[in-house]
Amino acid sequence: MKTLISGGTVVTAIDTVPADVLIDGETIVAIGAPGAHSWADDADAIIDASGKYVVPGGIDPHTHMELPFGGTYASDTFESGTRAAAFGGTTTIVDFAVQVKGESLIAGFDTWMAKAEDNCAIDYGFHMIAGEINEQSLSDMDVLIDRGCTSFKLFMAYPGVFYSDDGDILRAMQKAAATDSMIMMHAENGMAIDVLREQALERGETDPVHHSLTRPAVTESEAVHRAIVLSELAGAHLYVVHMSAKQAVEEIAEARDRGLPVFAETCPQYLFLSVEDHVSSEGFEGAKYVCSTPIRPSEEGHQEALWMGLATNDLQVVSTDHCPFCMDDHPVLGTQKKLGLGDFTKIPNGLPGVEDRFQLIYHGGVVEGRIDLNRWIELTSTAAAKLFGMYPKKGTIAVGSDADIVVFDPGVEWTKSVDQHHMDVDYSAYEGKDVKGKVQTVLLRGKVIVDGDEYLGEIGDGEYLARDRVSVHH
């Protein structure tokens, strides 16, 4: 089937040009000046993109569908979560498979493949969370790399659950350096945080806001610094996930200025939400915004530093860390956020965002003048494709690339609300936020899966993406 997208302005990470785009089957086969060809004559379908942007589908390289956490599971399945992502203009996710302590990396990977297979509305890949580092898991890394899982996540937080000590981290980084794979790091000093949490509870400080207050910025920046030192020692590529503190951004910037292959992401929650306006909400409302790393106080200047880092390329990617839990009981999964009533340490960490990201970064970035159109696409699609071995198949509009395309209307003004989103969670982290610009049409490998408010795709449209090794070195 041939599809012509006509009359729009094609925006990639490097170009903004009026152009028509011709798709044959799943692939982009031609890009040309508007109307200066006869493509319309043999097109099976024509999408009128006049007055709109034609952009690559978003890539969210950090989601947690169906993640077991704190006695429950993230409320979005691969089915509901990827469909919501599609409505938000995201056509590829890279989720995290989890190694359970005592099992192999391969067993964890296979478990997550089984969850996702035939259930995804968009294309998907996996990073591997290494729950423990030993000879077996280090050798499993080779097998997974051959299967297209070329990035491995370690945790400096959550002692007793996912925590790796510096020795384990160094071993994994040495392996990654030898195999050209990427180490992803949750960088918080988990040992220190556990002490602060215990002391807060002893003082009777049980409200959700204490989640943020017991994870001060220095516990993030110290861990980022340590992760950089270990990666430099090992000669490994490092990607720090969900950055939220300005001091941590400074550590990344300094390492990159020295030429180290160090990369980092932030998420919409850290750019738009604050302790004062959200986590400190009365009663238990603040639990909506409990995530790790935590939302930070706006008065400390973290949001400005993160936006500046995105503008200057000290930060390369905006992901979501999408990991939703309901405030009221979920019909299938039961009690979620309220597991932490009376004890903030028991609130499941995470919030919904997979449907919000592409839109929010356009509004907060482009509309509000912090970044240009090309940087918007780089942050939400292209950089992740390059860093995680998917480019140029994904992440751009070019001849030969997959026809993952979003027609985006910059003129629409609307208000974000739980009433209009498609994520399987009972609140919006951005309830009542007025935004400009809206996803209109979404194509996954040439097939229209979203048209306005209508879902035209089918569950199972998404295919597993075997990713290449890291190819970006600075």
Protein backbone atom coordinates (compact mmCIF):
# COMPACT_ATOMS: atom_id res chain seq x y z
CA MET A 1 0.00 0.00 0.00
CA LYS A 2 1.26 3.47 -0.92
CA THR A 3 0.46 6.45 1.30
CA LEU A 4 1.22 10.08 0.53
CA ILE A 5 1.52 12.66 3.31
CA SER A 6 1.15 15.95 1.48
CA GLY A 7 1.42 19.65 2.20
CA GLY A 8 3.08 19.46 5.60
CA THR A 9 6.33 20.75 7.06
CA VAL A 10 8.76 17.91 7.70
CA VAL A 11 10.70 18.41 10.93
CA THR A 12 13.68 16.22 11.87
CA ALA A 13 16.54 16.76 14.30
CA ILE A 14 18.41 18.73 11.62
CA ASP A 15 15.86 20.07 9.08
CA THR A 16 12.58 21.96 8.90
CA VAL A 17 11.33 21.89 5.30
CA PRO A 18 7.98 21.92 3.47
CA ALA A 19 7.86 18.47 1.86
CA ASP A 20 5.66 15.60 0.79
CA VAL A 21 6.46 12.12 2.08
CA LEU A 22 5.73 8.95 0.10
CA ILE A 23 5.40 5.65 1.93
CA ASP A 24 5.39 2.24 0.27
CA GLY A 25 4.43 -0.57 2.63
CA GLU A 26 6.28 0.01 5.90
CA THR A 27 9.02 2.25 4.57
CA ILE A 28 9.58 5.85 3.49
CA VAL A 29 10.53 5.70 -0.19
CA ALA A 30 10.61 9.36 -1.27
CA ILE A 31 10.63 12.89 0.13
CA GLY A 32 10.09 15.80 -2.24
CA ALA A 33 9.00 19.39 -2.73
CA PRO A 34 5.26 19.82 -2.16
CA GLY A 35 3.26 18.94 -5.29
CA ALA A 36 6.34 18.78 -7.57
CA HIS A 37 5.73 15.14 -8.56
CA SER A 38 2.97 12.76 -9.58
CA TRP A 39 2.91 10.64 -6.43
CA ALA A 40 -0.74 11.37 -5.77
CA ASP A 41 -1.70 9.52 -8.96
CA ASP A 42 -0.75 6.09 -7.68
CA ALA A 43 -1.15 6.61 -3.93
CA ASP A 44 -3.73 4.37 -2.23
CA ALA A 45 -4.25 6.94 0.52
CA ILE A 46 -3.46 10.63 0.90
CA ILE A 47 -3.09 12.36 4.26
CA ASP A 48 -3.44 16.13 4.08
CA ALA A 49 -0.89 17.66 6.45
CA SER A 50 -1.39 21.29 5.38
CA GLY A 51 -0.48 23.68 8.18
CA LYS A 52 0.91 20.83 10.26
CA TYR A 53 4.26 19.33 11.20
CA VAL A 54 5.24 15.91 9.87
CA VAL A 55 7.66 14.44 12.41
CA PRO A 56 9.27 11.11 13.32
CA GLY A 57 7.33 9.00 15.79
CA GLY A 58 8.45 9.50 19.36
CA ILE A 59 10.79 7.03 21.03
CA ASP A 60 10.44 6.58 24.78
CA PRO A 61 13.49 4.64 25.96
CA HIS A 62 12.35 4.32 29.58
CA THR A 63 9.02 2.69 30.43
CA HIS A 64 7.88 0.11 32.99
CA MET A 65 4.77 -1.72 31.80
CA GLU A 66 3.48 -4.37 34.23
CA LEU A 67 6.46 -3.79 36.56
CA PRO A 68 6.15 -5.57 39.93
CA PHE A 69 6.88 -3.00 42.64
CA GLY A 70 6.16 -2.76 46.35
CA GLY A 71 3.48 -5.44 46.50
CA THR A 72 1.61 -4.51 43.32
CA TYR A 73 2.19 -4.01 39.59
CA ALA A 74 2.34 -0.93 37.37
CA SER A 75 -1.26 -0.48 36.25
CA ASP A 76 -0.55 -0.26 32.51
CA THR A 77 -0.14 -3.54 30.67
CA PHE A 78 1.90 -3.69 27.48
CA GLU A 79 -1.46 -3.55 25.71
CA SER A 80 -2.93 -0.48 27.43
CA GLY A 81 0.37 1.33 27.86
CA THR A 82 1.51 1.08 24.25
CA ARG A 83 -1.90 2.11 22.95
CA ALA A 84 -1.75 5.19 25.19
CA ALA A 85 1.77 5.87 23.94
CA ALA A 86 0.47 5.82 20.36
CA PHE A 87 -2.19 8.42 21.18
CA GLY A 88 0.63 10.55 22.55
CA GLY A 89 2.71 10.34 19.38
CA THR A 90 5.16 7.68 20.58
CA THR A 91 5.69 4.78 18.18
CA THR A 92 8.53 2.93 19.94
CA ILE A 93 9.22 2.14 23.59
CA VAL A 94 12.20 0.46 25.19
CA ASP A 95 10.95 -1.16 28.39
CA PHE A 96 12.94 -2.85 31.15
CA ALA A 97 13.09 -6.60 31.59
CA VAL A 98 13.94 -7.57 35.16
CA GLN A 99 16.31 -10.20 36.50
CA VAL A 100 14.94 -11.59 39.75
CA LYS A 101 17.67 -12.39 42.28
CA GLY A 102 18.59 -16.05 41.98
CA GLU A 103 17.48 -16.30 38.35
CA SER A 104 19.46 -15.68 35.18
CA LEU A 105 19.35 -12.56 33.06
CA ILE A 106 18.08 -14.72 30.20
CA ALA A 107 15.15 -16.03 32.25
CA GLY A 108 14.16 -12.46 33.14
CA PHE A 109 14.41 -11.37 29.53
CA ASP A 110 12.27 -14.29 28.36
CA THR A 111 9.61 -13.47 30.98
CA TRP A 112 9.30 -9.91 29.72
CA MET A 113 9.32 -10.96 26.06
CA ALA A 114 6.38 -13.24 26.85
CA LYS A 115 4.47 -10.36 28.49
CA ALA A 116 4.95 -8.07 25.51
CA GLU A 117 4.73 -10.47 22.57
CA ASP A 118 1.54 -10.01 20.51
CA ASN A 119 0.29 -7.41 23.03
CA CYS A 120 1.97 -4.18 21.90
CA ALA A 121 0.32 -1.48 19.80
CA ILE A 122 3.72 -0.02 18.84
CA ASP A 123 7.25 -1.34 18.34
CA TYR A 124 9.17 -2.30 21.46
CA GLY A 125 12.59 -3.31 22.68
CA PHE A 126 14.11 -4.09 26.06
CA HIS A 127 16.90 -3.00 28.33
CA MET A 128 17.90 -5.57 30.96
CA ILE A 129 17.85 -4.77 34.67
CA ALA A 130 20.66 -6.74 36.30
CA GLY A 131 19.51 -7.66 39.79
CA GLU A 132 22.80 -9.30 40.65
CA ILE A 133 26.20 -9.39 39.00
CA ASN A 134 28.07 -12.71 38.95
CA GLU A 135 29.86 -14.91 36.43
CA GLN A 136 26.55 -16.23 35.10
CA SER A 137 24.98 -12.82 34.56
CA LEU A 138 28.14 -11.44 32.94
CA SER A 139 28.11 -14.30 30.45
CA ASP A 140 24.35 -13.91 29.93
CA MET A 141 25.04 -10.36 28.72
CA ASP A 142 26.66 -11.81 25.57
CA VAL A 143 23.57 -13.90 24.81
CA LEU A 144 21.23 -10.94 25.27
CA ILE A 145 23.36 -8.66 23.09
CA ASP A 146 23.00 -11.26 20.31
CA ARG A 147 19.23 -11.12 20.85
CA GLY A 148 19.19 -7.34 20.40
CA CYS A 149 19.18 -6.29 24.05
CA THR A 150 22.28 -4.10 24.09
CA SER A 151 21.81 -2.04 27.26
CA PHE A 152 21.91 -3.04 30.91
CA LYS A 153 20.56 -1.14 33.90
CA LEU A 154 22.09 -1.11 37.36
CA PHE A 155 20.83 0.48 40.59
CA MET A 156 22.80 2.39 43.19
CA ALA A 157 19.47 2.63 45.08
CA TYR A 158 17.04 0.11 46.67
CA PRO A 159 19.33 -1.96 48.92
CA GLY A 160 17.98 -5.50 49.25
CA VAL A 161 16.05 -5.28 45.98
CA PHE A 162 18.03 -4.09 42.94
CA TYR A 163 21.10 -2.56 44.61
CA SER A 164 24.57 -3.18 43.16
CA ASP A 165 27.71 -2.17 45.04
CA ASP A 166 30.62 -0.38 43.37
CA GLY A 167 32.49 -3.63 42.73
CA ASP A 168 29.53 -5.20 40.94
CA ILE A 169 29.02 -2.01 38.96
CA LEU A 170 32.67 -1.96 37.89
CA ARG A 171 32.51 -5.60 36.72
CA ALA A 172 29.37 -4.92 34.66
CA MET A 173 30.92 -1.78 33.20
CA GLN A 174 34.06 -3.65 32.20
CA LYS A 175 31.87 -6.19 30.40
CA ALA A 176 29.93 -3.38 28.70
CA ALA A 177 33.17 -1.73 27.60
CA ALA A 178 34.35 -5.01 26.06
CA THR A 179 31.05 -5.54 24.20
CA ASP A 180 30.18 -1.95 23.17
CA SER A 181 26.95 -2.14 25.14
CA MET A 182 25.44 0.64 27.26
CA ILE A 183 25.28 0.76 31.05
CA MET A 184 22.22 2.62 32.33
CA MET A 185 22.36 3.82 35.90
CA HIS A 186 19.78 4.67 38.52
CA ALA A 187 22.07 7.03 40.40
CA GLU A 188 21.03 7.67 44.00
CA ASN A 189 22.96 6.79 47.14
CA GLY A 190 20.55 4.12 48.35
CA MET A 191 22.42 3.35 51.57
CA ALA A 192 22.32 6.98 52.73
CA ILE A 193 18.69 7.39 51.64
CA ASP A 194 17.68 4.35 53.70
CA VAL A 195 19.15 5.95 56.81
CA LEU A 196 17.30 9.23 56.16
CA ARG A 197 14.01 7.39 55.54
CA GLU A 198 14.34 5.37 58.75
CA GLN A 199 15.08 8.53 60.75
CA ALA A 200 12.09 10.37 59.22
CA LEU A 201 9.73 7.56 60.24
CA GLU A 202 11.18 7.55 63.76
CA ARG A 203 10.28 11.25 63.96
CA GLY A 204 6.72 10.46 62.84
CA GLU A 205 7.19 12.06 59.40
CA THR A 206 4.98 9.78 57.32
CA ASP A 207 3.36 12.01 54.65
CA PRO A 208 4.18 11.62 50.93
CA VAL A 209 6.29 14.81 50.88
CA HIS A 210 8.91 13.06 53.02
CA HIS A 211 9.67 10.79 50.08
CA SER A 212 11.22 13.80 48.36
CA LEU A 213 12.76 15.28 51.49
CA THR A 214 14.62 12.06 52.38
CA ARG A 215 16.21 11.91 48.92
CA PRO A 216 18.02 15.30 48.85
CA ALA A 217 19.84 16.45 45.72
CA VAL A 218 23.27 15.50 47.08
CA THR A 219 22.23 11.82 47.23
CA GLU A 220 21.71 12.01 43.47
CA SER A 221 24.74 14.11 42.51
CA GLU A 222 27.12 12.00 44.62
CA ALA A 223 25.91 8.83 42.94
CA VAL A 224 26.14 10.38 39.46
CA HIS A 225 29.73 11.40 40.23
CA ARG A 226 30.57 7.87 41.41
CA ALA A 227 28.94 6.30 38.35
CA ILE A 228 31.02 8.55 36.09
CA VAL A 229 34.25 7.65 37.94
CA LEU A 230 33.51 3.93 37.64
CA SER A 231 32.59 4.19 33.95
CA GLU A 232 35.79 6.12 33.24
CA LEU A 233 37.78 3.47 35.11
CA ALA A 234 36.14 0.74 33.01
CA GLY A 235 36.15 2.64 29.72
CA ALA A 236 32.38 2.13 29.40
CA HIS A 237 29.53 4.14 27.94
CA LEU A 238 27.25 5.44 30.68
CA TYR A 239 23.64 6.64 30.45
CA VAL A 240 22.15 8.09 33.64
CA VAL A 241 18.38 7.74 33.86
CA HIS A 242 15.73 10.17 35.19
CA MET A 243 17.96 13.08 36.25
CA SER A 244 16.21 15.55 38.55
CA ALA A 245 18.87 17.60 40.40
CA LYS A 246 20.85 20.55 39.06
CA GLN A 247 23.98 19.37 40.90
CA ALA A 248 23.73 16.04 39.07
CA VAL A 249 23.44 17.86 35.72
CA GLU A 250 26.66 19.69 36.58
CA GLU A 251 28.43 16.34 37.10
CA ILE A 252 27.27 15.13 33.68
CA ALA A 253 28.27 18.40 31.99
CA GLU A 254 31.76 18.26 33.52
CA ALA A 255 32.27 14.67 32.37
CA ARG A 256 31.10 15.45 28.83
CA ASP A 257 33.34 18.51 28.71
CA ARG A 258 36.23 16.12 29.36
CA GLY A 259 35.13 14.06 26.36
CA LEU A 260 33.77 11.06 28.24
CA PRO A 261 30.99 8.97 26.60
CA VAL A 262 28.51 9.93 29.30
CA PHE A 263 24.84 10.57 28.48
CA ALA A 264 21.73 11.38 30.50
CA GLU A 265 17.98 11.83 30.35
CA THR A 266 15.35 13.68 32.30
CA CYS A 267 11.56 13.27 32.35
CA PRO A 268 8.56 15.61 32.11
CA GLN A 269 7.75 15.27 35.81
CA TYR A 270 11.05 16.94 36.72
CA LEU A 271 10.49 19.75 34.22
CA PHE A 272 6.90 20.59 35.18
CA LEU A 273 6.19 19.42 38.74
CA SER A 274 7.52 20.63 42.09
CA VAL A 275 7.50 19.70 45.76
CA GLU A 276 5.70 22.91 46.68
CA ASP A 277 2.88 22.64 44.14
CA HIS A 278 2.44 18.87 43.92
CA VAL A 279 4.19 16.57 46.40
CA SER A 280 3.19 18.80 49.35
CA SER A 281 -0.51 18.55 48.42
CA GLU A 282 -2.89 18.15 51.36
CA GLY A 283 -3.62 14.76 52.83
CA PHE A 284 -2.42 11.86 50.71
CA GLU A 285 -2.68 13.70 47.35
CA GLY A 286 1.10 14.08 47.17
CA ALA A 287 1.37 10.30 46.65
CA LYS A 288 0.42 10.88 43.01
CA TYR A 289 3.84 12.44 42.50
CA VAL A 290 6.02 10.00 44.43
CA CYS A 291 8.70 8.70 42.10
CA SER A 292 12.46 8.11 42.24
CA THR A 293 14.52 10.14 41.68
CA PRO A 294 12.06 12.48 43.42
CA ILE A 295 10.29 15.63 42.29
CA ARG A 296 12.38 18.51 43.70
CA PRO A 297 11.65 21.92 45.24
CA SER A 298 11.20 24.52 42.49
CA GLU A 299 12.84 27.22 44.63
CA GLU A 300 16.19 25.40 44.29
CA GLY A 301 16.36 25.98 40.52
CA HIS A 302 16.36 22.35 39.37
CA GLN A 303 13.77 22.84 36.60
CA GLU A 304 15.72 25.70 35.03
CA ALA A 305 18.93 23.67 35.15
CA LEU A 306 17.27 20.67 33.50
CA TRP A 307 15.76 22.78 30.70
CA MET A 308 19.14 24.43 30.17
CA GLY A 309 20.82 21.02 30.07
CA LEU A 310 18.37 19.91 27.38
CA ALA A 311 19.07 23.06 25.37
CA THR A 312 22.87 22.76 25.58
CA ASN A 313 23.05 18.97 25.04
CA ASP A 314 24.39 18.29 28.53
CA LEU A 315 21.23 16.15 28.65
CA GLN A 316 20.37 14.22 25.49
CA VAL A 317 16.96 12.59 25.97
CA VAL A 318 13.53 13.13 27.50
CA SER A 319 11.99 9.80 28.52
CA THR A 320 9.08 9.20 30.90
CA ASP A 321 10.00 6.46 33.39
CA HIS A 322 6.29 5.66 32.91
CA CYS A 323 5.31 3.51 35.90
CA PRO A 324 1.69 4.24 36.88
CA PHE A 325 -0.13 3.24 40.06
CA CYS A 326 -3.74 4.14 40.85
CA MET A 327 -4.74 6.37 43.77
CA ASP A 328 -7.96 4.42 44.36
CA ASP A 329 -8.04 0.65 44.13
CA HIS A 330 -7.42 -0.76 40.65
CA PRO A 331 -10.21 -3.14 39.53
CA VAL A 332 -7.75 -6.00 38.93
CA LEU A 333 -4.62 -5.11 40.89
CA GLY A 334 -6.30 -3.80 44.04
CA THR A 335 -4.65 -1.29 46.39
CA GLN A 336 -1.77 0.67 44.84
CA LYS A 337 -0.65 4.14 45.99
CA LYS A 338 -2.66 3.72 49.21
CA LEU A 339 -0.32 0.91 50.29
CA GLY A 340 1.66 3.86 51.63
CA LEU A 341 -1.07 5.48 53.73
CA GLY A 342 0.65 6.37 57.01
CA ASP A 343 4.11 5.34 55.73
CA PHE A 344 5.59 7.14 52.71
CA THR A 345 8.22 4.41 52.27
CA LYS A 346 5.47 1.99 51.18
CA ILE A 347 4.03 4.19 48.40
CA PRO A 348 4.74 2.51 45.03
CA ASN A 349 7.22 4.75 43.21
CA GLY A 350 6.16 6.02 39.81
CA LEU A 351 3.70 8.08 37.83
CA PRO A 352 2.03 8.03 34.40
CA GLY A 353 3.57 9.90 31.47
CA VAL A 354 3.98 7.79 28.33
CA GLU A 355 1.07 9.59 26.65
CA ASP A 356 2.08 13.07 27.85
CA ARG A 357 5.78 13.40 27.00
CA PHE A 358 5.85 14.30 23.28
CA GLN A 359 3.15 16.94 23.77
CA LEU A 360 4.56 18.42 26.97
CA ILE A 361 8.06 18.87 25.56
CA TYR A 362 6.58 20.62 22.51
CA HIS A 363 4.62 22.96 24.77
CA GLY A 364 7.20 23.60 27.47
CA GLY A 365 10.10 23.56 25.03
CA VAL A 366 9.02 24.98 21.68
CA VAL A 367 5.92 27.03 22.52
CA GLU A 368 7.52 28.54 25.63
CA GLY A 369 10.76 29.29 23.77
CA ARG A 370 13.29 27.05 25.53
CA ILE A 371 14.25 24.91 22.52
CA ASP A 372 13.58 24.90 18.78
CA LEU A 373 11.57 22.42 16.72
CA ASN A 374 14.59 20.37 15.71
CA ARG A 375 15.78 19.96 19.28
CA TRP A 376 12.26 18.84 20.26
CA ILE A 377 12.55 15.98 17.78
CA GLU A 378 16.10 15.19 18.84
CA LEU A 379 15.13 14.96 22.52
CA THR A 380 11.97 12.90 21.99
CA SER A 381 13.07 10.61 19.16
CA THR A 382 16.39 10.91 17.33
CA ALA A 383 18.89 10.90 20.21
CA ALA A 384 17.34 7.79 21.77
CA ALA A 385 17.40 6.04 18.39
CA LYS A 386 21.11 6.79 18.04
CA LEU A 387 22.10 5.95 21.61
CA PHE A 388 20.18 2.67 21.72
CA GLY A 389 20.96 1.18 18.33
CA MET A 390 17.78 1.96 16.36
CA TYR A 391 18.95 4.73 14.00
CA PRO A 392 18.26 5.37 11.10
CA LYS A 393 15.53 2.70 11.01
CA LYS A 394 13.84 4.73 13.76
CA GLY A 395 14.13 8.34 14.88
CA THR A 396 14.07 10.26 11.61
CA ILE A 397 12.19 10.88 8.39
CA ALA A 398 14.50 9.68 5.63
CA VAL A 399 14.34 7.43 2.59
CA GLY A 400 14.70 3.85 3.82
CA SER A 401 13.58 4.59 7.37
CA ASP A 402 10.52 2.96 8.93
CA ALA A 403 7.41 5.03 8.23
CA ASP A 404 6.83 5.84 11.91
CA ILE A 405 5.33 9.30 11.42
CA VAL A 406 3.26 11.75 13.45
CA VAL A 407 1.20 14.52 11.90
CA PHE A 408 1.19 17.18 14.61
CA ASP A 409 -1.11 20.21 14.63
CA PRO A 410 0.67 23.16 16.28
CA GLY A 411 -2.48 25.29 16.38
CA VAL A 412 -4.73 23.27 18.69
CA GLU A 413 -5.10 24.48 22.27
CA TRP A 414 -6.48 22.06 24.85
CA THR A 415 -6.37 21.06 28.51
CA LYS A 416 -4.77 17.88 29.81
CA SER A 417 -7.00 15.73 32.01
CA VAL A 418 -7.57 12.20 33.23
CA ASP A 419 -10.84 12.36 31.28
CA GLN A 420 -9.06 12.41 27.92
CA HIS A 421 -6.02 10.20 28.41
CA HIS A 422 -5.79 6.51 27.50
CA MET A 423 -3.41 5.30 30.22
CA ASP A 424 -4.92 2.78 32.65
CA VAL A 425 -4.56 4.97 35.71
CA ASP A 426 -7.09 7.08 37.60
CA TYR A 427 -5.32 10.45 37.59
CA SER A 428 -3.27 12.71 35.36
CA ALA A 429 -0.04 14.11 36.76
CA TYR A 430 -0.77 17.20 34.62
CA GLU A 431 -4.48 17.65 35.40
CA GLY A 432 -5.78 21.02 34.22
CA LYS A 433 -2.62 22.04 32.37
CA ASP A 434 -3.36 24.11 29.28
CA VAL A 435 -1.17 23.15 26.33
CA LYS A 436 -0.77 24.08 22.70
CA GLY A 437 -0.20 21.61 19.85
CA LYS A 438 -1.74 18.16 19.47
CA VAL A 439 -1.04 14.82 17.86
CA GLN A 440 -3.45 14.35 14.96
CA THR A 441 -2.41 11.25 13.01
CA VAL A 442 0.05 8.49 13.93
CA LEU A 443 1.52 5.95 11.53
CA LEU A 444 3.43 2.86 12.65
CA ARG A 445 5.51 1.44 9.81
CA GLY A 446 3.10 2.97 7.29
CA LYS A 447 -0.13 1.93 8.97
CA VAL A 448 -2.39 4.63 10.42
CA ILE A 449 -2.98 3.55 14.02
CA VAL A 450 -4.33 6.82 15.47
CA ASP A 451 -6.51 9.37 13.70
CA GLY A 452 -7.67 12.18 15.98
CA ASP A 453 -9.42 10.56 18.92
CA GLU A 454 -9.88 7.27 17.08
CA TYR A 455 -7.69 4.21 17.51
CA LEU A 456 -7.38 2.40 14.18
CA GLY A 457 -4.60 -0.01 15.08
CA GLU A 458 -4.75 -3.48 16.52
CA ILE A 459 -3.07 -4.93 19.55
CA GLY A 460 -0.14 -6.86 18.19
CA ASP A 461 0.76 -4.26 15.55
CA GLY A 462 4.00 -3.68 17.46
CA GLU A 463 7.09 -5.74 16.63
CA TYR A 464 10.10 -6.59 18.78
CA LEU A 465 13.10 -4.46 17.91
CA ALA A 466 16.47 -6.17 18.08
CA ARG A 467 18.79 -3.23 18.68
CA ASP A 468 22.37 -2.70 17.56
CA ARG A 469 25.25 -1.88 19.87
CA VAL A 470 26.01 1.68 20.90
CA SER A 471 27.31 3.80 18.03
CA VAL A 472 27.38 7.28 19.58
CA HIS A 473 30.59 8.13 21.39
CA HIS A 474 30.00 11.66 22.68
